[in-house]
Amino acid sequence: MRMERFFTQDDIILHGDMVSLVPLSASHADALVEAATDGKLWELWYTSVPNAESVEGYIASALDEKAKDKALPFAVIEKESGRVIGSTRLANADAANKRVELGYTWYASRYHRSSVNTECKRLLLAYAFESLGVIAVEFRTHWLNQASRAAIARLGAKQDGVLRNHKIVNGVYRDTVVFSIIESEWPAIKLNLDYKLARYRG
C-alpha cells in the first residue's frame, strides 16, 4: 500500500506582492550563484550558501530530500525583475507528528532588511498551517548567527531551547538554537505579518 505524501504538490508556486516562490531546479544554478555573489554569502561560515563550485551539489541535495518527501525547496524570484534573489525551504518534514522546519533561507545582500523575508515567511507559514495542516513550524539557526536569531524572533516565533554541540560544521561544534510557531499562535502571527507588510507597502 502506497503511503500518502506529506507534500502533496511538488510543483506548488506561492505568490506574494514582491516575490514568488517557485520550485527549485537545476536550471536555477547560475542565478543562485549570481544572487549569492551579492555579499559573497558563501563566506558566512556559520550558514550554507552555494558558490560556483558547490551549487550543483546544493541543488542536488535539496532535490534528493524533495524526492524523499522530506523537503520542498524554492527559488525566491523578485517579481518586478524576474531575477532569482535567494532560496528557502520547507524541510525535515515529520508527517506522523505534523511538523515541518522552515529554513535554508538566504537572500542577496541588497534584499536584507527589506520586506522580502517577511513576505516569504508569510507565504510559507500560511502554506504550512493552512494547506499542509501542520501543528508546528520549527526554525533552527546557529547560536552565533545573531541576525538570523533576531529575524526569527521578529516573526513571533518563540525559542524552544538550544541544542549544545548539535552538529560539526566546518570542523567546529555548532550550538543550534531552536524556535517554533505552533498552530494556535498562527492567527495572531498572521495578522502581525500582514500589518508589517502593509507598512512596508506604505
C-alpha atoms as a PDB file:
ATOM      1  CA  MET A   1       0.000   0.000   0.000  1.00  0.00           C
ATOM      2  CA  ARG A   2       1.417   3.367  -1.039  1.00  0.00           C
ATOM      3  CA  MET A   3       1.760   5.881   1.793  1.00  0.00           C
ATOM      4  CA  GLU A   4       0.228   9.319   1.319  1.00  0.00           C
ATOM      5  CA  ARG A   5       2.806  12.006   0.641  1.00  0.00           C
ATOM      6  CA  PHE A   6       3.327  14.848   3.110  1.00  0.00           C
ATOM      7  CA  PHE A   7       3.968  17.383   0.339  1.00  0.00           C
ATOM      8  CA  THR A   8       1.093  16.574  -1.983  1.00  0.00           C
ATOM      9  CA  GLN A   9       2.102  19.208  -4.591  1.00  0.00           C
ATOM     10  CA  ASP A  10       5.719  19.175  -5.765  1.00  0.00           C
ATOM     11  CA  ASP A  11       5.070  21.994  -8.222  1.00  0.00           C
ATOM     12  CA  ILE A  12       3.447  24.457  -5.819  1.00  0.00           C
ATOM     13  CA  ILE A  13       4.144  28.140  -6.551  1.00  0.00           C
ATOM     14  CA  LEU A  14       3.486  30.746  -3.870  1.00  0.00           C
ATOM     15  CA  HIS A  15       2.872  34.338  -4.972  1.00  0.00           C
ATOM     16  CA  GLY A  16       3.274  37.486  -2.911  1.00  0.00           C
ATOM     17  CA  ASP A  17       3.312  41.156  -3.879  1.00  0.00           C
ATOM     18  CA  MET A  18       7.102  41.400  -4.162  1.00  0.00           C
ATOM     19  CA  VAL A  19       8.248  37.808  -4.648  1.00  0.00           C
ATOM     20  CA  SER A  20       7.174  34.433  -5.933  1.00  0.00           C
ATOM     21  CA  LEU A  21       8.459  31.153  -4.548  1.00  0.00           C
ATOM     22  CA  VAL A  22       8.936  28.632  -7.353  1.00  0.00           C
ATOM     23  CA  PRO A  23      10.150  25.010  -7.190  1.00  0.00           C
ATOM     24  CA  LEU A  24      13.944  24.896  -7.055  1.00  0.00           C
ATOM     25  CA  SER A  25      15.519  23.177 -10.069  1.00  0.00           C
ATOM     26  CA  ALA A  26      18.921  22.588 -11.629  1.00  0.00           C
ATOM     27  CA  SER A  27      18.146  25.404 -14.072  1.00  0.00           C
ATOM     28  CA  HIS A  28      18.464  27.903 -11.205  1.00  0.00           C
ATOM     29  CA  ALA A  29      22.147  27.143 -10.588  1.00  0.00           C
ATOM     30  CA  ASP A  30      23.722  30.142 -12.326  1.00  0.00           C
ATOM     31  CA  ALA A  31      21.111  32.555 -10.989  1.00  0.00           C
ATOM     32  CA  LEU A  32      21.622  31.313  -7.417  1.00  0.00           C
ATOM     33  CA  VAL A  33      25.356  31.886  -7.690  1.00  0.00           C
ATOM     34  CA  GLU A  34      24.751  35.383  -9.083  1.00  0.00           C
ATOM     35  CA  ALA A  35      22.426  36.170  -6.154  1.00  0.00           C
ATOM     36  CA  ALA A  36      24.894  34.797  -3.606  1.00  0.00           C
ATOM     37  CA  THR A  37      27.673  36.894  -5.153  1.00  0.00           C
ATOM     38  CA  ASP A  38      25.885  39.983  -3.825  1.00  0.00           C
ATOM     39  CA  GLY A  39      27.608  39.982  -0.444  1.00  0.00           C
ATOM     40  CA  LYS A  40      29.753  36.869  -1.074  1.00  0.00           C
ATOM     41  CA  LEU A  41      27.318  34.997   1.132  1.00  0.00           C
ATOM     42  CA  TRP A  42      29.233  31.715   0.888  1.00  0.00           C
ATOM     43  CA  GLU A  43      31.887  33.307   3.095  1.00  0.00           C
ATOM     44  CA  LEU A  44      29.473  33.252   6.054  1.00  0.00           C
ATOM     45  CA  TRP A  45      30.998  30.286   7.865  1.00  0.00           C
ATOM     46  CA  TYR A  46      28.001  29.652  10.138  1.00  0.00           C
ATOM     47  CA  THR A  47      25.496  29.050   7.337  1.00  0.00           C
ATOM     48  CA  SER A  48      25.295  27.222   3.989  1.00  0.00           C
ATOM     49  CA  VAL A  49      25.047  29.333   0.842  1.00  0.00           C
ATOM     50  CA  PRO A  50      26.251  27.940  -2.506  1.00  0.00           C
ATOM     51  CA  ASN A  51      29.041  29.277  -4.692  1.00  0.00           C
ATOM     52  CA  ALA A  52      30.013  28.280  -8.235  1.00  0.00           C
ATOM     53  CA  GLU A  53      31.788  25.136  -7.034  1.00  0.00           C
ATOM     54  CA  SER A  54      29.095  23.922  -4.632  1.00  0.00           C
ATOM     55  CA  VAL A  55      25.821  24.980  -6.264  1.00  0.00           C
ATOM     56  CA  GLU A  56      25.219  21.742  -8.193  1.00  0.00           C
ATOM     57  CA  GLY A  57      25.636  19.691  -5.040  1.00  0.00           C
ATOM     58  CA  TYR A  58      23.487  22.163  -3.100  1.00  0.00           C
ATOM     59  CA  ILE A  59      20.600  21.776  -5.548  1.00  0.00           C
ATOM     60  CA  ALA A  60      21.053  18.005  -5.897  1.00  0.00           C
ATOM     61  CA  SER A  61      20.866  17.568  -2.117  1.00  0.00           C
ATOM     62  CA  ALA A  62      17.706  19.676  -1.923  1.00  0.00           C
ATOM     63  CA  LEU A  63      16.051  17.744  -4.749  1.00  0.00           C
ATOM     64  CA  ASP A  64      17.039  14.435  -3.168  1.00  0.00           C
ATOM     65  CA  GLU A  65      15.253  15.463   0.033  1.00  0.00           C
ATOM     66  CA  LYS A  66      12.283  16.531  -2.082  1.00  0.00           C
ATOM     67  CA  ALA A  67      12.176  13.125  -3.787  1.00  0.00           C
ATOM     68  CA  LYS A  68      12.105  11.510  -0.338  1.00  0.00           C
ATOM     69  CA  ASP A  69       9.113  13.702   0.615  1.00  0.00           C
ATOM     70  CA  LYS A  70      11.193  15.368   3.311  1.00  0.00           C
ATOM     71  CA  ALA A  71      11.545  18.850   1.826  1.00  0.00           C
ATOM     72  CA  LEU A  72      10.044  21.397  -0.538  1.00  0.00           C
ATOM     73  CA  PRO A  73      12.817  23.717  -1.778  1.00  0.00           C
ATOM     74  CA  PHE A  74      12.125  27.011  -3.527  1.00  0.00           C
ATOM     75  CA  ALA A  75      13.940  29.655  -5.515  1.00  0.00           C
ATOM     76  CA  VAL A  76      12.905  33.173  -4.494  1.00  0.00           C
ATOM     77  CA  ILE A  77      12.036  35.287  -7.540  1.00  0.00           C
ATOM     78  CA  GLU A  78      11.696  39.072  -7.423  1.00  0.00           C
ATOM     79  CA  LYS A  79       8.519  39.684  -9.396  1.00  0.00           C
ATOM     80  CA  GLU A  80       9.474  43.112 -10.777  1.00  0.00           C
ATOM     81  CA  SER A  81      12.772  41.971 -12.322  1.00  0.00           C
ATOM     82  CA  GLY A  82      12.125  38.245 -12.704  1.00  0.00           C
ATOM     83  CA  ARG A  83      15.514  37.566 -11.091  1.00  0.00           C
ATOM     84  CA  VAL A  84      16.365  34.840  -8.596  1.00  0.00           C
ATOM     85  CA  ILE A  85      17.324  36.619  -5.375  1.00  0.00           C
ATOM     86  CA  GLY A  86      17.718  33.697  -2.980  1.00  0.00           C
ATOM     87  CA  SER A  87      16.360  30.389  -1.787  1.00  0.00           C
ATOM     88  CA  THR A  88      14.253  28.959   1.033  1.00  0.00           C
ATOM     89  CA  ARG A  89      12.831  25.601   2.005  1.00  0.00           C
ATOM     90  CA  LEU A  90      10.310  23.624   3.998  1.00  0.00           C
ATOM     91  CA  ALA A  91      12.403  20.751   5.332  1.00  0.00           C
ATOM     92  CA  ASN A  92      12.677  17.866   7.787  1.00  0.00           C
ATOM     93  CA  ALA A  93       9.007  17.024   7.327  1.00  0.00           C
ATOM     94  CA  ASP A  94       7.572  14.839  10.093  1.00  0.00           C
ATOM     95  CA  ALA A  95       4.246  13.581   8.755  1.00  0.00           C
ATOM     96  CA  ALA A  96       3.443  11.454  11.814  1.00  0.00           C
ATOM     97  CA  ASN A  97       3.702  14.450  14.138  1.00  0.00           C
ATOM     98  CA  LYS A  98       2.506  17.097  11.664  1.00  0.00           C
ATOM     99  CA  ARG A  99       5.647  19.204  11.971  1.00  0.00           C
ATOM    100  CA  VAL A 100       7.945  20.851   9.454  1.00  0.00           C
ATOM    101  CA  GLU A 101      11.005  23.082   9.575  1.00  0.00           C
ATOM    102  CA  LEU A 102      11.263  26.376   7.700  1.00  0.00           C
ATOM    103  CA  GLY A 103      14.868  27.064   6.880  1.00  0.00           C
ATOM    104  CA  TYR A 104      17.789  27.026   4.425  1.00  0.00           C
ATOM    105  CA  THR A 105      16.864  30.647   3.779  1.00  0.00           C
ATOM    106  CA  TRP A 106      19.159  33.252   2.275  1.00  0.00           C
ATOM    107  CA  TYR A 107      18.825  36.302   0.040  1.00  0.00           C
ATOM    108  CA  ALA A 108      21.169  38.533  -1.934  1.00  0.00           C
ATOM    109  CA  SER A 109      22.566  41.164   0.418  1.00  0.00           C
ATOM    110  CA  ARG A 110      20.685  44.067  -1.154  1.00  0.00           C
ATOM    111  CA  TYR A 111      17.395  42.486  -0.014  1.00  0.00           C
ATOM    112  CA  HIS A 112      18.421  42.222   3.624  1.00  0.00           C
ATOM    113  CA  ARG A 113      16.301  44.440   5.889  1.00  0.00           C
ATOM    114  CA  SER A 114      13.608  44.671   3.236  1.00  0.00           C
ATOM    115  CA  SER A 115      10.116  43.171   3.147  1.00  0.00           C
ATOM    116  CA  VAL A 116      11.372  40.084   1.283  1.00  0.00           C
ATOM    117  CA  ASN A 117      11.952  37.868   4.299  1.00  0.00           C
ATOM    118  CA  THR A 118       8.665  38.886   5.935  1.00  0.00           C
ATOM    119  CA  GLU A 119       6.729  38.116   2.755  1.00  0.00           C
ATOM    120  CA  CYS A 120       8.493  34.791   2.157  1.00  0.00           C
ATOM    121  CA  LYS A 121       7.823  33.665   5.717  1.00  0.00           C
ATOM    122  CA  ARG A 122       4.186  34.790   5.455  1.00  0.00           C
ATOM    123  CA  LEU A 123       3.720  32.705   2.306  1.00  0.00           C
ATOM    124  CA  LEU A 124       5.416  29.596   3.694  1.00  0.00           C
ATOM    125  CA  LEU A 125       3.769  29.730   7.107  1.00  0.00           C
ATOM    126  CA  ALA A 126       0.329  30.095   5.529  1.00  0.00           C
ATOM    127  CA  TYR A 127       1.014  27.130   3.268  1.00  0.00           C
ATOM    128  CA  ALA A 128       2.291  25.011   6.169  1.00  0.00           C
ATOM    129  CA  PHE A 129      -0.557  25.749   8.569  1.00  0.00           C
ATOM    130  CA  GLU A 130      -3.453  26.223   6.178  1.00  0.00           C
ATOM    131  CA  SER A 131      -2.683  23.763   3.348  1.00  0.00           C
ATOM    132  CA  LEU A 132      -0.469  21.114   4.942  1.00  0.00           C
ATOM    133  CA  GLY A 133      -2.275  21.236   8.269  1.00  0.00           C
ATOM    134  CA  VAL A 134       0.832  21.147  10.450  1.00  0.00           C
ATOM    135  CA  ILE A 135       0.613  21.797  14.190  1.00  0.00           C
ATOM    136  CA  ALA A 136       4.089  23.365  14.478  1.00  0.00           C
ATOM    137  CA  VAL A 137       6.661  25.038  12.253  1.00  0.00           C
ATOM    138  CA  GLU A 138      10.217  24.904  13.531  1.00  0.00           C
ATOM    139  CA  PHE A 139      13.160  27.220  12.849  1.00  0.00           C
ATOM    140  CA  ARG A 140      16.795  26.360  13.551  1.00  0.00           C
ATOM    141  CA  THR A 141      19.883  28.517  13.364  1.00  0.00           C
ATOM    142  CA  HIS A 142      23.445  28.765  14.598  1.00  0.00           C
ATOM    143  CA  TRP A 143      23.894  30.245  18.080  1.00  0.00           C
ATOM    144  CA  LEU A 144      26.368  32.746  16.614  1.00  0.00           C
ATOM    145  CA  ASN A 145      24.083  33.819  13.757  1.00  0.00           C
ATOM    146  CA  GLN A 146      22.672  36.802  15.609  1.00  0.00           C
ATOM    147  CA  ALA A 147      20.963  38.281  12.532  1.00  0.00           C
ATOM    148  CA  SER A 148      19.059  35.051  11.873  1.00  0.00           C
ATOM    149  CA  ARG A 149      18.032  34.686  15.515  1.00  0.00           C
ATOM    150  CA  ALA A 150      16.712  38.250  15.589  1.00  0.00           C
ATOM    151  CA  ALA A 151      14.823  37.790  12.308  1.00  0.00           C
ATOM    152  CA  ILE A 152      13.153  34.605  13.573  1.00  0.00           C
ATOM    153  CA  ALA A 153      12.148  36.274  16.825  1.00  0.00           C
ATOM    154  CA  ARG A 154      10.657  39.227  14.895  1.00  0.00           C
ATOM    155  CA  LEU A 155       8.321  36.797  13.144  1.00  0.00           C
ATOM    156  CA  GLY A 156       6.803  35.961  16.521  1.00  0.00           C
ATOM    157  CA  ALA A 157       8.446  32.557  16.929  1.00  0.00           C
ATOM    158  CA  LYS A 158       9.331  31.505  20.468  1.00  0.00           C
ATOM    159  CA  GLN A 159      12.662  29.984  21.436  1.00  0.00           C
ATOM    160  CA  ASP A 160      12.294  26.350  22.474  1.00  0.00           C
ATOM    161  CA  GLY A 161      15.880  25.795  23.522  1.00  0.00           C
ATOM    162  CA  VAL A 162      19.495  25.299  22.470  1.00  0.00           C
ATOM    163  CA  LEU A 163      20.945  22.001  21.246  1.00  0.00           C
ATOM    164  CA  ARG A 164      24.533  22.092  22.543  1.00  0.00           C
ATOM    165  CA  ASN A 165      27.212  20.522  20.293  1.00  0.00           C
ATOM    166  CA  HIS A 166      24.412  19.657  17.911  1.00  0.00           C
ATOM    167  CA  LYS A 167      26.496  19.390  14.739  1.00  0.00           C
ATOM    168  CA  ILE A 168      30.025  19.674  13.437  1.00  0.00           C
ATOM    169  CA  VAL A 169      30.115  22.459  10.827  1.00  0.00           C
ATOM    170  CA  ASN A 170      33.342  23.470   9.089  1.00  0.00           C
ATOM    171  CA  GLY A 171      35.264  21.430  11.626  1.00  0.00           C
ATOM    172  CA  VAL A 172      33.810  23.122  14.724  1.00  0.00           C
ATOM    173  CA  TYR A 173      30.892  22.317  17.005  1.00  0.00           C
ATOM    174  CA  ARG A 174      27.616  24.116  16.332  1.00  0.00           C
ATOM    175  CA  ASP A 175      25.137  25.007  19.052  1.00  0.00           C
ATOM    176  CA  THR A 176      21.725  25.109  17.364  1.00  0.00           C
ATOM    177  CA  VAL A 177      19.000  27.466  18.580  1.00  0.00           C
ATOM    178  CA  VAL A 178      15.503  26.035  18.054  1.00  0.00           C
ATOM    179  CA  PHE A 179      12.415  28.244  17.675  1.00  0.00           C
ATOM    180  CA  SER A 180       8.843  27.358  16.757  1.00  0.00           C
ATOM    181  CA  ILE A 181       5.413  28.703  15.939  1.00  0.00           C
ATOM    182  CA  ILE A 182       2.526  26.446  16.927  1.00  0.00           C
ATOM    183  CA  GLU A 183      -0.896  26.125  15.351  1.00  0.00           C
ATOM    184  CA  SER A 184      -2.752  28.165  17.996  1.00  0.00           C
ATOM    185  CA  GLU A 185      -0.321  31.074  17.558  1.00  0.00           C
ATOM    186  CA  TRP A 186      -0.638  31.298  13.790  1.00  0.00           C
ATOM    187  CA  PRO A 187      -3.783  33.532  13.553  1.00  0.00           C
ATOM    188  CA  ALA A 188      -2.200  36.301  15.657  1.00  0.00           C
ATOM    189  CA  ILE A 189       1.182  35.973  13.927  1.00  0.00           C
ATOM    190  CA  LYS A 190      -0.503  36.118  10.514  1.00  0.00           C
ATOM    191  CA  LEU A 191      -2.237  39.381  11.481  1.00  0.00           C
ATOM    192  CA  ASN A 192       1.073  40.800  12.684  1.00  0.00           C
ATOM    193  CA  LEU A 193       2.908  39.821   9.500  1.00  0.00           C
ATOM    194  CA  ASP A 194       0.128  41.310   7.379  1.00  0.00           C
ATOM    195  CA  TYR A 195       0.388  44.526   9.412  1.00  0.00           C
ATOM    196  CA  LYS A 196       4.151  44.691   8.853  1.00  0.00           C
ATOM    197  CA  LEU A 197       3.775  44.071   5.124  1.00  0.00           C
ATOM    198  CA  ALA A 198       1.115  46.769   4.845  1.00  0.00           C
ATOM    199  CA  ARG A 199       3.500  49.233   6.490  1.00  0.00           C
ATOM    200  CA  TYR A 200       6.295  48.227   4.073  1.00  0.00           C
ATOM    201  CA  ARG A 201       3.917  48.969   1.196  1.00  0.00           C
ATOM    202  CA  GLY A 202       3.271  52.399   2.710  1.00  0.00           C
END
